[in-house]
Amino acid sequence: MASIARCLRAARPSTLSRLVQTPCTRSNWQPASLRAFSASPIRDIRKYTKDHEWIDLNADKTTGVIGISEYAAEELGDVVYVELPEEGKVVSAGDAIGAVESVKSAADINAPIACKVTAINLTLEEKPGTINQVPEDDSHGGGWIAKVQVDEQGAKDFDALMDLEEYKTFTGSEH
């Protein structure tokens, strides 16, 4: 409150009249050197499998998030049930970690890389349709499946996966 009171005192008319009477002089000060500042956000690295799962890894490739691709969500149709993996489960690349059931079909969710499941998206148990709405969203309300911890083998597995452009080419050839 004290800072608000000081601001109000500074804005009194008597103070303002003194400020107006004081001549304004320009300083010849210039910064010694201008430094251009730009920042790019630290982005997760996303890659895809041929089974239509995706994984985002952080920059140091130690943690990540797994989900199914938008393409897979569209092909499945309305998702009615999601079987989530167990927390703490250690899996190898290609191991089944869960399943997705829709009105059209059912499909396993496979681990894209070797990893340990550290958290699961419990929202999908109550609202499995979230996968259809935002399948590749790894935020709080998104359709991600699991958060994982990655070891050295998982980082090697990750390098063998497809990037977005390769995945688009791959899915384009499936139609």
N, C-alpha and C. Protein backbone atom coordinates (compact mmCIF):
# COMPACT_ATOMS: atom_id res chain seq x y z
N MET A 1 0.81 -1.19 0.00
CA MET A 1 0.00 0.00 0.00
C MET A 1 0.86 1.26 0.00
N ALA A 2 2.00 1.20 0.62
CA ALA A 2 2.87 2.37 0.70
C ALA A 2 3.28 2.83 -0.69
N SER A 3 3.55 1.88 -1.58
CA SER A 3 3.98 2.27 -2.91
C SER A 3 2.85 2.94 -3.68
N ILE A 4 1.61 2.52 -3.45
CA ILE A 4 0.48 3.17 -4.10
C ILE A 4 0.34 4.59 -3.58
N ALA A 5 0.50 4.76 -2.27
CA ALA A 5 0.40 6.10 -1.69
C ALA A 5 1.48 7.01 -2.23
N ARG A 6 2.69 6.53 -2.38
CA ARG A 6 3.76 7.36 -2.94
C ARG A 6 3.45 7.77 -4.37
N CYS A 7 2.87 6.87 -5.14
CA CYS A 7 2.50 7.19 -6.52
C CYS A 7 1.43 8.27 -6.55
N LEU A 8 0.49 8.18 -5.63
CA LEU A 8 -0.58 9.18 -5.59
C LEU A 8 -0.03 10.54 -5.18
N ARG A 9 0.91 10.56 -4.21
CA ARG A 9 1.51 11.82 -3.80
C ARG A 9 2.27 12.46 -4.95
N ALA A 10 2.94 11.67 -5.74
CA ALA A 10 3.73 12.19 -6.86
C ALA A 10 2.83 12.79 -7.93
N ALA A 11 1.60 12.39 -7.98
CA ALA A 11 0.69 12.87 -9.01
C ALA A 11 -0.15 14.07 -8.55
N ARG A 12 0.12 14.61 -7.35
CA ARG A 12 -0.65 15.78 -6.89
C ARG A 12 -0.41 16.96 -7.82
N PRO A 13 -1.38 17.81 -8.01
CA PRO A 13 -1.24 18.95 -8.91
C PRO A 13 -0.05 19.84 -8.57
N SER A 14 0.23 20.04 -7.30
CA SER A 14 1.36 20.91 -6.94
C SER A 14 2.68 20.30 -7.42
N THR A 15 2.78 19.00 -7.39
CA THR A 15 3.99 18.32 -7.86
C THR A 15 4.08 18.42 -9.38
N LEU A 16 2.96 18.23 -10.04
CA LEU A 16 2.94 18.29 -11.49
C LEU A 16 3.33 19.68 -12.00
N SER A 17 2.87 20.75 -11.31
CA SER A 17 3.20 22.09 -11.76
C SER A 17 4.70 22.34 -11.65
N ARG A 18 5.35 21.78 -10.64
CA ARG A 18 6.81 21.95 -10.53
C ARG A 18 7.51 21.19 -11.65
N LEU A 19 6.98 20.04 -12.01
CA LEU A 19 7.60 19.27 -13.07
C LEU A 19 7.48 19.98 -14.42
N VAL A 20 6.38 20.65 -14.64
CA VAL A 20 6.16 21.34 -15.90
C VAL A 20 7.10 22.53 -16.02
N GLN A 21 7.39 23.21 -14.90
CA GLN A 21 8.25 24.38 -14.92
C GLN A 21 9.73 24.02 -15.11
N THR A 22 10.12 22.82 -14.76
CA THR A 22 11.50 22.42 -14.89
C THR A 22 11.80 22.16 -16.36
N PRO A 23 12.84 22.83 -16.90
CA PRO A 23 13.16 22.60 -18.31
C PRO A 23 13.68 21.17 -18.51
N CYS A 24 13.34 20.65 -19.62
CA CYS A 24 13.73 19.28 -19.95
C CYS A 24 15.03 19.32 -20.75
N THR A 25 16.05 18.73 -20.24
CA THR A 25 17.32 18.69 -20.96
C THR A 25 17.55 17.28 -21.45
N ARG A 26 18.09 17.20 -22.62
CA ARG A 26 18.37 15.89 -23.19
C ARG A 26 19.78 15.47 -22.81
N SER A 27 19.88 14.25 -22.49
CA SER A 27 21.18 13.69 -22.16
C SER A 27 21.84 13.21 -23.43
N ASN A 28 23.14 13.30 -23.47
CA ASN A 28 23.88 12.78 -24.62
C ASN A 28 24.29 11.33 -24.39
N TRP A 29 23.71 10.74 -23.39
CA TRP A 29 24.07 9.37 -23.07
C TRP A 29 23.52 8.42 -24.12
N GLN A 30 24.39 7.52 -24.55
CA GLN A 30 23.99 6.47 -25.45
C GLN A 30 24.60 5.17 -24.95
N PRO A 31 23.92 4.11 -25.12
CA PRO A 31 24.48 2.85 -24.64
C PRO A 31 25.78 2.52 -25.37
N ALA A 32 26.71 1.92 -24.64
CA ALA A 32 28.02 1.60 -25.21
C ALA A 32 27.88 0.68 -26.42
N SER A 33 27.07 -0.29 -26.32
CA SER A 33 26.83 -1.18 -27.46
C SER A 33 25.43 -1.77 -27.32
N LEU A 34 24.79 -1.89 -28.43
CA LEU A 34 23.47 -2.50 -28.42
C LEU A 34 23.64 -3.99 -28.64
N ARG A 35 22.94 -4.74 -27.86
CA ARG A 35 23.00 -6.18 -28.01
C ARG A 35 21.64 -6.68 -28.47
N ALA A 36 21.63 -7.29 -29.58
CA ALA A 36 20.37 -7.86 -30.07
C ALA A 36 20.00 -9.03 -29.18
N PHE A 37 18.77 -9.08 -28.80
CA PHE A 37 18.33 -10.15 -27.92
C PHE A 37 17.19 -10.88 -28.59
N SER A 38 17.38 -12.14 -28.75
CA SER A 38 16.29 -12.96 -29.25
C SER A 38 16.34 -14.28 -28.50
N ALA A 39 15.20 -14.82 -28.32
CA ALA A 39 15.13 -16.09 -27.63
C ALA A 39 14.22 -17.01 -28.41
N SER A 40 14.65 -18.21 -28.55
CA SER A 40 13.78 -19.19 -29.17
C SER A 40 13.39 -20.17 -28.08
N PRO A 41 12.14 -20.56 -28.08
CA PRO A 41 11.70 -21.46 -27.01
C PRO A 41 12.40 -22.81 -27.11
N ILE A 42 12.64 -23.40 -25.95
CA ILE A 42 13.21 -24.73 -25.94
C ILE A 42 12.06 -25.67 -26.28
N ARG A 43 12.18 -26.31 -27.39
CA ARG A 43 11.11 -27.16 -27.87
C ARG A 43 11.48 -28.61 -27.67
N ASP A 44 10.47 -29.38 -27.42
CA ASP A 44 10.69 -30.81 -27.36
C ASP A 44 10.91 -31.30 -28.79
N ILE A 45 11.57 -32.41 -28.90
CA ILE A 45 11.84 -33.01 -30.19
C ILE A 45 10.81 -34.13 -30.38
N ARG A 46 9.99 -34.03 -31.43
CA ARG A 46 8.93 -35.03 -31.65
C ARG A 46 9.30 -35.92 -32.83
N LYS A 47 9.12 -37.21 -32.63
CA LYS A 47 9.32 -38.18 -33.71
C LYS A 47 8.18 -39.19 -33.68
N TYR A 48 8.03 -39.92 -34.79
CA TYR A 48 6.90 -40.82 -34.99
C TYR A 48 7.37 -42.23 -35.33
N THR A 49 6.50 -43.21 -35.03
CA THR A 49 6.77 -44.60 -35.40
C THR A 49 5.89 -44.99 -36.58
N LYS A 50 6.18 -46.14 -37.18
CA LYS A 50 5.34 -46.65 -38.27
C LYS A 50 4.01 -47.18 -37.74
N ASP A 51 3.92 -47.36 -36.42
CA ASP A 51 2.66 -47.78 -35.80
C ASP A 51 1.82 -46.59 -35.35
N HIS A 52 2.24 -45.38 -35.72
CA HIS A 52 1.50 -44.14 -35.49
C HIS A 52 1.51 -43.64 -34.04
N GLU A 53 2.55 -43.98 -33.30
CA GLU A 53 2.74 -43.35 -31.99
C GLU A 53 3.74 -42.21 -32.18
N TRP A 54 3.67 -41.23 -31.30
CA TRP A 54 4.67 -40.16 -31.30
C TRP A 54 5.30 -40.09 -29.93
N ILE A 55 6.49 -39.51 -29.90
CA ILE A 55 7.17 -39.26 -28.63
C ILE A 55 7.88 -37.92 -28.73
N ASP A 56 7.69 -37.12 -27.70
CA ASP A 56 8.42 -35.86 -27.54
C ASP A 56 9.50 -36.10 -26.51
N LEU A 57 10.72 -35.77 -26.85
CA LEU A 57 11.80 -35.83 -25.86
C LEU A 57 12.25 -34.42 -25.55
N ASN A 58 12.67 -34.21 -24.30
CA ASN A 58 13.23 -32.91 -23.97
C ASN A 58 14.61 -32.81 -24.61
N ALA A 59 15.22 -31.64 -24.54
CA ALA A 59 16.47 -31.38 -25.24
C ALA A 59 17.61 -32.31 -24.82
N ASP A 60 17.65 -32.70 -23.56
CA ASP A 60 18.75 -33.58 -23.12
C ASP A 60 18.40 -35.07 -23.25
N LYS A 61 17.26 -35.37 -23.85
CA LYS A 61 16.83 -36.74 -24.16
C LYS A 61 16.78 -37.64 -22.92
N THR A 62 16.25 -37.12 -21.82
CA THR A 62 16.12 -37.93 -20.61
C THR A 62 14.67 -38.19 -20.22
N THR A 63 13.75 -37.33 -20.64
CA THR A 63 12.34 -37.52 -20.35
C THR A 63 11.53 -37.23 -21.60
N GLY A 64 10.33 -37.80 -21.65
CA GLY A 64 9.51 -37.60 -22.83
C GLY A 64 8.04 -37.85 -22.56
N VAL A 65 7.24 -37.66 -23.60
CA VAL A 65 5.80 -37.87 -23.55
C VAL A 65 5.42 -38.71 -24.77
N ILE A 66 4.55 -39.70 -24.56
CA ILE A 66 4.13 -40.60 -25.63
C ILE A 66 2.63 -40.41 -25.90
N GLY A 67 2.25 -40.50 -27.18
CA GLY A 67 0.84 -40.44 -27.55
C GLY A 67 0.64 -41.09 -28.91
N ILE A 68 -0.60 -41.04 -29.40
CA ILE A 68 -0.86 -41.54 -30.75
C ILE A 68 -1.01 -40.34 -31.68
N SER A 69 -0.69 -40.56 -32.94
CA SER A 69 -0.69 -39.46 -33.90
C SER A 69 -2.11 -39.03 -34.27
N GLU A 70 -2.19 -37.84 -34.82
CA GLU A 70 -3.47 -37.32 -35.28
C GLU A 70 -4.02 -38.22 -36.40
N TYR A 71 -3.13 -38.70 -37.23
CA TYR A 71 -3.54 -39.62 -38.30
C TYR A 71 -4.21 -40.86 -37.72
N ALA A 72 -3.59 -41.46 -36.69
CA ALA A 72 -4.14 -42.66 -36.06
C ALA A 72 -5.49 -42.37 -35.42
N ALA A 73 -5.60 -41.22 -34.76
CA ALA A 73 -6.87 -40.85 -34.11
C ALA A 73 -7.99 -40.72 -35.14
N GLU A 74 -7.68 -40.14 -36.30
CA GLU A 74 -8.68 -40.00 -37.36
C GLU A 74 -9.07 -41.37 -37.92
N GLU A 75 -8.11 -42.24 -38.12
CA GLU A 75 -8.37 -43.57 -38.66
C GLU A 75 -9.19 -44.42 -37.69
N LEU A 76 -8.94 -44.27 -36.38
CA LEU A 76 -9.68 -45.05 -35.39
C LEU A 76 -11.14 -44.64 -35.29
N GLY A 77 -11.41 -43.37 -35.47
CA GLY A 77 -12.77 -42.88 -35.26
C GLY A 77 -12.97 -42.52 -33.80
N ASP A 78 -14.21 -42.51 -33.34
CA ASP A 78 -14.51 -42.09 -31.97
C ASP A 78 -13.96 -43.10 -30.96
N VAL A 79 -12.99 -42.65 -30.16
CA VAL A 79 -12.38 -43.51 -29.14
C VAL A 79 -13.34 -43.61 -27.96
N VAL A 80 -13.59 -44.86 -27.53
CA VAL A 80 -14.52 -45.09 -26.42
C VAL A 80 -13.83 -45.64 -25.17
N TYR A 81 -12.60 -46.14 -25.32
CA TYR A 81 -11.89 -46.69 -24.17
C TYR A 81 -10.39 -46.62 -24.42
N VAL A 82 -9.64 -46.25 -23.38
CA VAL A 82 -8.18 -46.23 -23.45
C VAL A 82 -7.63 -47.04 -22.28
N GLU A 83 -6.83 -48.04 -22.58
CA GLU A 83 -6.13 -48.79 -21.54
C GLU A 83 -4.76 -48.16 -21.38
N LEU A 84 -4.49 -47.66 -20.18
CA LEU A 84 -3.24 -46.95 -19.92
C LEU A 84 -2.18 -47.89 -19.34
N PRO A 85 -0.91 -47.57 -19.54
CA PRO A 85 0.15 -48.40 -18.98
C PRO A 85 0.24 -48.24 -17.46
N GLU A 86 0.97 -49.13 -16.82
CA GLU A 86 1.20 -49.03 -15.39
C GLU A 86 2.36 -48.08 -15.14
N GLU A 87 2.22 -47.22 -14.12
CA GLU A 87 3.35 -46.36 -13.75
C GLU A 87 4.47 -47.23 -13.22
N GLY A 88 5.69 -46.89 -13.58
CA GLY A 88 6.85 -47.64 -13.14
C GLY A 88 7.23 -48.78 -14.07
N LYS A 89 6.40 -49.06 -15.06
CA LYS A 89 6.66 -50.15 -16.00
C LYS A 89 7.85 -49.80 -16.90
N VAL A 90 8.79 -50.73 -17.02
CA VAL A 90 9.94 -50.57 -17.91
C VAL A 90 9.66 -51.36 -19.17
N VAL A 91 9.79 -50.71 -20.32
CA VAL A 91 9.47 -51.35 -21.60
C VAL A 91 10.58 -51.14 -22.61
N SER A 92 10.62 -52.02 -23.59
CA SER A 92 11.53 -51.89 -24.72
C SER A 92 10.77 -51.31 -25.90
N ALA A 93 11.49 -50.86 -26.90
CA ALA A 93 10.84 -50.32 -28.11
C ALA A 93 9.96 -51.39 -28.73
N GLY A 94 8.73 -51.05 -29.04
CA GLY A 94 7.79 -51.97 -29.68
C GLY A 94 6.91 -52.75 -28.72
N ASP A 95 7.21 -52.71 -27.41
CA ASP A 95 6.37 -53.40 -26.43
C ASP A 95 5.03 -52.70 -26.29
N ALA A 96 3.96 -53.48 -26.11
CA ALA A 96 2.63 -52.89 -25.90
C ALA A 96 2.59 -52.24 -24.51
N ILE A 97 2.15 -51.00 -24.47
CA ILE A 97 2.01 -50.30 -23.18
C ILE A 97 0.57 -49.97 -22.87
N GLY A 98 -0.31 -50.20 -23.81
CA GLY A 98 -1.73 -49.91 -23.60
C GLY A 98 -2.51 -50.25 -24.85
N ALA A 99 -3.77 -49.81 -24.85
CA ALA A 99 -4.63 -50.07 -26.01
C ALA A 99 -5.65 -48.96 -26.15
N VAL A 100 -6.14 -48.81 -27.37
CA VAL A 100 -7.18 -47.83 -27.68
C VAL A 100 -8.31 -48.57 -28.38
N GLU A 101 -9.54 -48.39 -27.89
CA GLU A 101 -10.69 -48.99 -28.54
C GLU A 101 -11.61 -47.89 -29.04
N SER A 102 -12.08 -48.08 -30.26
CA SER A 102 -12.99 -47.10 -30.84
C SER A 102 -14.22 -47.83 -31.36
N VAL A 103 -15.16 -47.07 -31.91
CA VAL A 103 -16.36 -47.69 -32.47
C VAL A 103 -16.01 -48.53 -33.70
N LYS A 104 -14.89 -48.22 -34.36
CA LYS A 104 -14.48 -48.95 -35.56
C LYS A 104 -13.60 -50.16 -35.24
N SER A 105 -12.63 -49.98 -34.34
CA SER A 105 -11.65 -51.05 -34.11
C SER A 105 -10.91 -50.84 -32.79
N ALA A 106 -9.96 -51.72 -32.55
CA ALA A 106 -9.09 -51.59 -31.37
C ALA A 106 -7.65 -51.71 -31.83
N ALA A 107 -6.76 -51.06 -31.11
CA ALA A 107 -5.34 -51.11 -31.48
C ALA A 107 -4.48 -51.00 -30.24
N ASP A 108 -3.34 -51.69 -30.29
CA ASP A 108 -2.37 -51.58 -29.20
C ASP A 108 -1.62 -50.26 -29.31
N ILE A 109 -1.19 -49.76 -28.17
CA ILE A 109 -0.30 -48.61 -28.13
C ILE A 109 1.07 -49.18 -27.78
N ASN A 110 2.03 -49.01 -28.67
CA ASN A 110 3.36 -49.56 -28.47
C ASN A 110 4.34 -48.48 -28.04
N ALA A 111 5.31 -48.88 -27.23
CA ALA A 111 6.35 -47.95 -26.81
C ALA A 111 7.24 -47.64 -28.01
N PRO A 112 7.39 -46.37 -28.35
CA PRO A 112 8.24 -46.02 -29.49
C PRO A 112 9.72 -46.29 -29.23
N ILE A 113 10.12 -46.21 -27.95
CA ILE A 113 11.51 -46.40 -27.57
C ILE A 113 11.57 -47.13 -26.23
N ALA A 114 12.75 -47.57 -25.86
CA ALA A 114 12.94 -48.16 -24.53
C ALA A 114 12.81 -47.05 -23.50
N CYS A 115 11.98 -47.29 -22.47
CA CYS A 115 11.73 -46.23 -21.49
C CYS A 115 11.08 -46.80 -20.23
N LYS A 116 10.91 -45.93 -19.24
CA LYS A 116 10.20 -46.29 -18.01
C LYS A 116 9.03 -45.32 -17.87
N VAL A 117 7.83 -45.83 -17.69
CA VAL A 117 6.64 -45.00 -17.55
C VAL A 117 6.66 -44.33 -16.17
N THR A 118 6.60 -43.00 -16.16
CA THR A 118 6.64 -42.26 -14.89
C THR A 118 5.29 -41.64 -14.53
N ALA A 119 4.44 -41.41 -15.52
CA ALA A 119 3.11 -40.83 -15.25
C ALA A 119 2.19 -41.22 -16.39
N ILE A 120 0.88 -41.27 -16.08
CA ILE A 120 -0.12 -41.59 -17.11
C ILE A 120 -1.19 -40.51 -17.11
N ASN A 121 -1.87 -40.38 -18.23
CA ASN A 121 -2.90 -39.36 -18.39
C ASN A 121 -4.25 -39.93 -17.93
N LEU A 122 -4.54 -39.74 -16.64
CA LEU A 122 -5.77 -40.29 -16.07
C LEU A 122 -7.03 -39.67 -16.67
N THR A 123 -6.92 -38.52 -17.28
CA THR A 123 -8.06 -37.88 -17.93
C THR A 123 -8.65 -38.80 -18.99
N LEU A 124 -7.81 -39.59 -19.63
CA LEU A 124 -8.28 -40.48 -20.70
C LEU A 124 -9.18 -41.60 -20.20
N GLU A 125 -9.05 -41.96 -18.93
CA GLU A 125 -9.95 -42.98 -18.38
C GLU A 125 -11.38 -42.45 -18.31
N GLU A 126 -11.52 -41.19 -17.92
CA GLU A 126 -12.85 -40.57 -17.81
C GLU A 126 -13.36 -40.03 -19.14
N LYS A 127 -12.44 -39.48 -19.94
CA LYS A 127 -12.82 -38.87 -21.22
C LYS A 127 -11.91 -39.40 -22.33
N PRO A 128 -12.13 -40.63 -22.77
CA PRO A 128 -11.26 -41.20 -23.81
C PRO A 128 -11.33 -40.43 -25.13
N GLY A 129 -12.43 -39.73 -25.38
CA GLY A 129 -12.58 -38.95 -26.60
C GLY A 129 -11.60 -37.80 -26.71
N THR A 130 -10.91 -37.49 -25.64
CA THR A 130 -9.89 -36.43 -25.67
C THR A 130 -8.84 -36.75 -26.73
N ILE A 131 -8.58 -38.03 -26.93
CA ILE A 131 -7.60 -38.43 -27.95
C ILE A 131 -8.05 -37.97 -29.33
N ASN A 132 -9.34 -38.01 -29.61
CA ASN A 132 -9.84 -37.56 -30.90
C ASN A 132 -9.74 -36.05 -31.05
N GLN A 133 -9.94 -35.33 -29.96
CA GLN A 133 -9.94 -33.87 -30.02
C GLN A 133 -8.54 -33.30 -30.14
N VAL A 134 -7.62 -33.76 -29.30
CA VAL A 134 -6.25 -33.23 -29.29
C VAL A 134 -5.25 -34.36 -29.12
N PRO A 135 -5.09 -35.22 -30.13
CA PRO A 135 -4.23 -36.39 -29.97
C PRO A 135 -2.75 -36.08 -29.77
N GLU A 136 -2.28 -35.00 -30.35
CA GLU A 136 -0.85 -34.70 -30.26
C GLU A 136 -0.56 -33.54 -29.31
N ASP A 137 -1.42 -33.35 -28.33
CA ASP A 137 -1.23 -32.29 -27.35
C ASP A 137 -0.69 -32.91 -26.07
N ASP A 138 0.49 -32.47 -25.65
CA ASP A 138 1.09 -33.03 -24.44
C ASP A 138 0.91 -32.13 -23.22
N SER A 139 -0.04 -31.21 -23.30
CA SER A 139 -0.31 -30.34 -22.16
C SER A 139 -1.27 -31.04 -21.19
N HIS A 140 -1.65 -30.36 -20.13
CA HIS A 140 -2.48 -30.94 -19.07
C HIS A 140 -3.78 -31.54 -19.60
N GLY A 141 -4.45 -30.87 -20.50
CA GLY A 141 -5.74 -31.34 -20.99
C GLY A 141 -5.66 -32.11 -22.29
N GLY A 142 -4.46 -32.46 -22.72
CA GLY A 142 -4.26 -33.07 -24.02
C GLY A 142 -4.48 -34.57 -24.05
N GLY A 143 -4.26 -35.16 -25.23
CA GLY A 143 -4.51 -36.57 -25.44
C GLY A 143 -3.27 -37.45 -25.31
N TRP A 144 -2.24 -36.99 -24.66
CA TRP A 144 -1.04 -37.81 -24.47
C TRP A 144 -1.36 -39.04 -23.63
N ILE A 145 -0.56 -40.08 -23.77
CA ILE A 145 -0.80 -41.35 -23.08
C ILE A 145 0.03 -41.46 -21.80
N ALA A 146 1.35 -41.26 -21.93
CA ALA A 146 2.24 -41.46 -20.78
C ALA A 146 3.44 -40.54 -20.84
N LYS A 147 3.95 -40.22 -19.66
CA LYS A 147 5.23 -39.52 -19.55
C LYS A 147 6.26 -40.57 -19.17
N VAL A 148 7.44 -40.44 -19.75
CA VAL A 148 8.44 -41.49 -19.58
C VAL A 148 9.82 -40.93 -19.25
N GLN A 149 10.62 -41.81 -18.66
CA GLN A 149 12.03 -41.52 -18.40
C GLN A 149 12.82 -42.35 -19.41
N VAL A 150 13.81 -41.73 -20.02
CA VAL A 150 14.53 -42.37 -21.11
C VAL A 150 15.98 -42.64 -20.69
N ASP A 151 16.46 -43.83 -21.03
CA ASP A 151 17.86 -44.17 -20.77
C ASP A 151 18.65 -44.08 -22.07
N GLU A 152 19.89 -44.55 -22.03
CA GLU A 152 20.77 -44.47 -23.19
C GLU A 152 20.21 -45.25 -24.39
N GLN A 153 19.66 -46.43 -24.13
CA GLN A 153 19.09 -47.24 -25.21
C GLN A 153 17.89 -46.53 -25.83
N GLY A 154 17.07 -45.90 -25.00
CA GLY A 154 15.91 -45.16 -25.51
C GLY A 154 16.33 -44.01 -26.40
N ALA A 155 17.40 -43.33 -26.05
CA ALA A 155 17.90 -42.22 -26.87
C ALA A 155 18.37 -42.75 -28.23
N LYS A 156 18.99 -43.93 -28.24
CA LYS A 156 19.42 -44.54 -29.51
C LYS A 156 18.20 -44.92 -30.34
N ASP A 157 17.19 -45.51 -29.69
CA ASP A 157 15.95 -45.88 -30.39
C ASP A 157 15.30 -44.65 -31.01
N PHE A 158 15.33 -43.55 -30.28
CA PHE A 158 14.69 -42.31 -30.71
C PHE A 158 15.29 -41.82 -32.03
N ASP A 159 16.61 -41.93 -32.15
CA ASP A 159 17.28 -41.44 -33.36
C ASP A 159 16.83 -42.18 -34.61
N ALA A 160 16.32 -43.41 -34.46
CA ALA A 160 15.90 -44.21 -35.60
C ALA A 160 14.46 -43.91 -36.04
N LEU A 161 13.71 -43.11 -35.28
CA LEU A 161 12.31 -42.81 -35.61
C LEU A 161 12.20 -41.74 -36.69
N MET A 162 10.99 -41.58 -37.22
CA MET A 162 10.74 -40.61 -38.30
C MET A 162 10.45 -39.22 -37.74
N ASP A 163 10.98 -38.19 -38.42
CA ASP A 163 10.59 -36.83 -38.06
C ASP A 163 9.26 -36.52 -38.74
N LEU A 164 8.75 -35.31 -38.54
CA LEU A 164 7.42 -34.96 -39.05
C LEU A 164 7.32 -35.10 -40.57
N GLU A 165 8.31 -34.62 -41.29
CA GLU A 165 8.25 -34.69 -42.76
C GLU A 165 8.26 -36.14 -43.25
N GLU A 166 9.11 -36.97 -42.66
CA GLU A 166 9.15 -38.39 -43.03
C GLU A 166 7.82 -39.07 -42.70
N TYR A 167 7.24 -38.69 -41.56
CA TYR A 167 5.97 -39.29 -41.15
C TYR A 167 4.83 -38.88 -42.10
N LYS A 168 4.82 -37.62 -42.52
CA LYS A 168 3.80 -37.17 -43.47
C LYS A 168 3.92 -37.93 -44.78
N THR A 169 5.14 -38.15 -45.24
CA THR A 169 5.36 -38.93 -46.46
C THR A 169 4.87 -40.36 -46.26
N PHE A 170 5.20 -40.93 -45.10
CA PHE A 170 4.79 -42.30 -44.79
C PHE A 170 3.26 -42.44 -44.76
N THR A 171 2.57 -41.54 -44.08
CA THR A 171 1.12 -41.64 -44.00
C THR A 171 0.44 -41.31 -45.33
N GLY A 172 1.07 -40.50 -46.12
CA GLY A 172 0.54 -40.19 -47.45
C GLY A 172 0.55 -41.41 -48.35
N SER A 173 1.52 -42.29 -48.13
CA SER A 173 1.62 -43.49 -48.95
C SER A 173 0.66 -44.58 -48.51
N GLU A 174 0.04 -44.43 -47.33
CA GLU A 174 -0.88 -45.45 -46.83
C GLU A 174 -2.30 -45.26 -47.36
N HIS A 175 -2.60 -44.14 -47.93
CA HIS A 175 -3.98 -43.90 -48.39
C HIS A 175 -4.28 -44.62 -49.66
